[in-house]
C-alpha atoms as a PDB file:
ATOM      1  CA  MET A   1      19.553   2.190  -9.621  1.00  0.00           C
ATOM      2  CA  ALA A   2      17.875  -1.088  -9.280  1.00  0.00           C
ATOM      3  CA  TYR A   3      19.791  -3.675  -7.402  1.00  0.00           C
ATOM      4  CA  ASP A   4      19.396  -7.339  -7.615  1.00  0.00           C
ATOM      5  CA  THR A   5      17.817  -9.056  -4.727  1.00  0.00           C
ATOM      6  CA  ASP A   6      17.279 -12.784  -3.937  1.00  0.00           C
ATOM      7  CA  ASP A   7      13.639 -12.192  -2.857  1.00  0.00           C
ATOM      8  CA  LYS A   8      12.171 -10.653  -5.956  1.00  0.00           C
ATOM      9  CA  PRO A   9       8.787 -12.526  -5.600  1.00  0.00           C
ATOM     10  CA  VAL A  10       8.187 -11.209  -2.040  1.00  0.00           C
ATOM     11  CA  LEU A  11       8.855  -7.602  -3.154  1.00  0.00           C
ATOM     12  CA  LEU A  12       6.642  -8.074  -6.144  1.00  0.00           C
ATOM     13  CA  ILE A  13       3.748  -9.290  -3.929  1.00  0.00           C
ATOM     14  CA  LYS A  14       4.286  -6.532  -1.281  1.00  0.00           C
ATOM     15  CA  LYS A  15       4.237  -3.981  -4.358  1.00  0.00           C
ATOM     16  CA  LEU A  16       1.031  -5.352  -5.879  1.00  0.00           C
ATOM     17  CA  GLY A  17      -0.588  -5.914  -2.463  1.00  0.00           C
ATOM     18  CA  GLY A  18       0.211  -2.278  -1.522  1.00  0.00           C
ATOM     19  CA  VAL A  19      -1.279  -0.967  -4.662  1.00  0.00           C
ATOM     20  CA  LEU A  20      -4.211  -3.183  -4.475  1.00  0.00           C
ATOM     21  CA  LEU A  21      -5.054  -2.228  -0.744  1.00  0.00           C
ATOM     22  CA  LEU A  22      -4.696   1.438  -1.684  1.00  0.00           C
ATOM     23  CA  ILE A  23      -7.073   1.216  -4.542  1.00  0.00           C
ATOM     24  CA  CYS A  24      -9.571  -0.825  -2.452  1.00  0.00           C
ATOM     25  CA  GLY A  25      -9.292   1.531   0.235  1.00  0.00           C
ATOM     26  CA  LEU A  26      -9.875   4.614  -1.869  1.00  0.00           C
ATOM     27  CA  ALA A  27     -12.908   2.709  -3.340  1.00  0.00           C
ATOM     28  CA  LEU A  28     -14.236   1.832  -0.018  1.00  0.00           C
ATOM     29  CA  MET A  29     -14.017   5.424   1.345  1.00  0.00           C
ATOM     30  CA  THR A  30     -15.902   6.731  -1.836  1.00  0.00           C
ATOM     31  CA  LEU A  31     -18.525   4.270  -1.324  1.00  0.00           C
ATOM     32  CA  GLY A  32     -18.633   5.023   2.380  1.00  0.00           C
ATOM     33  CA  TYR A  33     -18.762   8.822   1.753  1.00  0.00           C
ATOM     34  CA  SER A  34     -21.418   8.609  -0.989  1.00  0.00           C
ATOM     35  CA  GLY A  35     -23.551   6.369   1.145  1.00  0.00           C
ATOM     36  CA  ASP A  36     -23.039   8.140   4.423  1.00  0.00           C
ATOM     37  CA  SER A  37     -21.531   5.098   6.008  1.00  0.00           C
ATOM     38  CA  THR A  38     -18.905   5.843   8.634  1.00  0.00           C
ATOM     39  CA  GLY A  39     -17.892   2.099   8.927  1.00  0.00           C
ATOM     40  CA  LEU A  40     -17.026   1.980   5.233  1.00  0.00           C
ATOM     41  CA  ILE A  41     -15.014   5.168   5.399  1.00  0.00           C
ATOM     42  CA  VAL A  42     -12.986   3.923   8.309  1.00  0.00           C
ATOM     43  CA  LEU A  43     -12.525   0.479   6.730  1.00  0.00           C
ATOM     44  CA  GLY A  44     -11.369   2.262   3.473  1.00  0.00           C
ATOM     45  CA  LEU A  45      -9.014   4.475   5.483  1.00  0.00           C
ATOM     46  CA  LEU A  46      -7.453   1.501   7.363  1.00  0.00           C
ATOM     47  CA  ALA A  47      -6.874  -0.470   3.858  1.00  0.00           C
ATOM     48  CA  ALA A  48      -5.579   2.624   2.207  1.00  0.00           C
ATOM     49  CA  ALA A  49      -3.101   3.263   5.143  1.00  0.00           C
ATOM     50  CA  ALA A  50      -2.046  -0.374   5.096  1.00  0.00           C
ATOM     51  CA  GLY A  51      -1.376  -0.224   1.363  1.00  0.00           C
ATOM     52  CA  ALA A  52       0.625   2.875   1.778  1.00  0.00           C
ATOM     53  CA  VAL A  53       2.676   1.354   4.638  1.00  0.00           C
ATOM     54  CA  LEU A  54       3.456  -1.636   2.406  1.00  0.00           C
ATOM     55  CA  LEU A  55       4.671   0.547  -0.323  1.00  0.00           C
ATOM     56  CA  VAL A  56       6.736   2.748   1.882  1.00  0.00           C
ATOM     57  CA  LEU A  57       8.463  -0.347   3.498  1.00  0.00           C
ATOM     58  CA  LYS A  58       9.233  -1.623  -0.030  1.00  0.00           C
ATOM     59  CA  ILE A  59      10.953   1.720  -1.005  1.00  0.00           C
ATOM     60  CA  VAL A  60      12.859   1.869   2.251  1.00  0.00           C
ATOM     61  CA  ARG A  61      14.173  -1.621   1.825  1.00  0.00           C
ATOM     62  CA  ARG A  62      15.053  -0.886  -1.572  1.00  0.00           C
ATOM     63  CA  ASN A  63      16.998   2.114  -0.598  1.00  0.00           C
ATOM     64  CA  GLN A  64      18.608   0.644   2.553  1.00  0.00           C
ATOM     65  CA  GLY A  65      22.470   1.094   2.692  1.00  0.00           C
ATOM     66  CA  HIS A  66      22.339   4.033   0.101  1.00  0.00           C
ATOM     67  CA  GLU A  67      22.721   7.602   0.970  1.00  0.00           C
ATOM     68  CA  VAL A  68      19.779   9.693   0.125  1.00  0.00           C
END
């Protein structure tokens, strides 16, 4: 169920930011792998991890107070 919150724009920004960071991170890892650049791979990994964390935090906050 979706519950109404007062800070919808913040949640939307976190969701979009998380997805964009995840996509950019995966793209950077792909470029780093094809170009044999360890720096790009690490940067892509950090960006993808940050995006995943933002998405997980959004899901956890949405489900806060509800039993799993």
